[in-house]
């Protein structure tokens, strides 16, 4: 990419895409209320209560293998 006009065009296109993706991502909303639940911990058998997560950021990963 030694052609400066081409390089400027590619950079402009990348910035435009990042801006559009950023605006679309800004429309996503996090849940405000977490339902009460309790789950057993597979490692030690202790119970995880959803109330203990209050005020914390929680990442839920739905992972599967086929």
Foldseek 3Di string as FASTA:
>chain_A
DPDVVVVVVVVVVVVVVVVVVVVVVVPDDDDDDDDWDWDADPPPRDIDTVVVCPPHDDDDDDDDDD
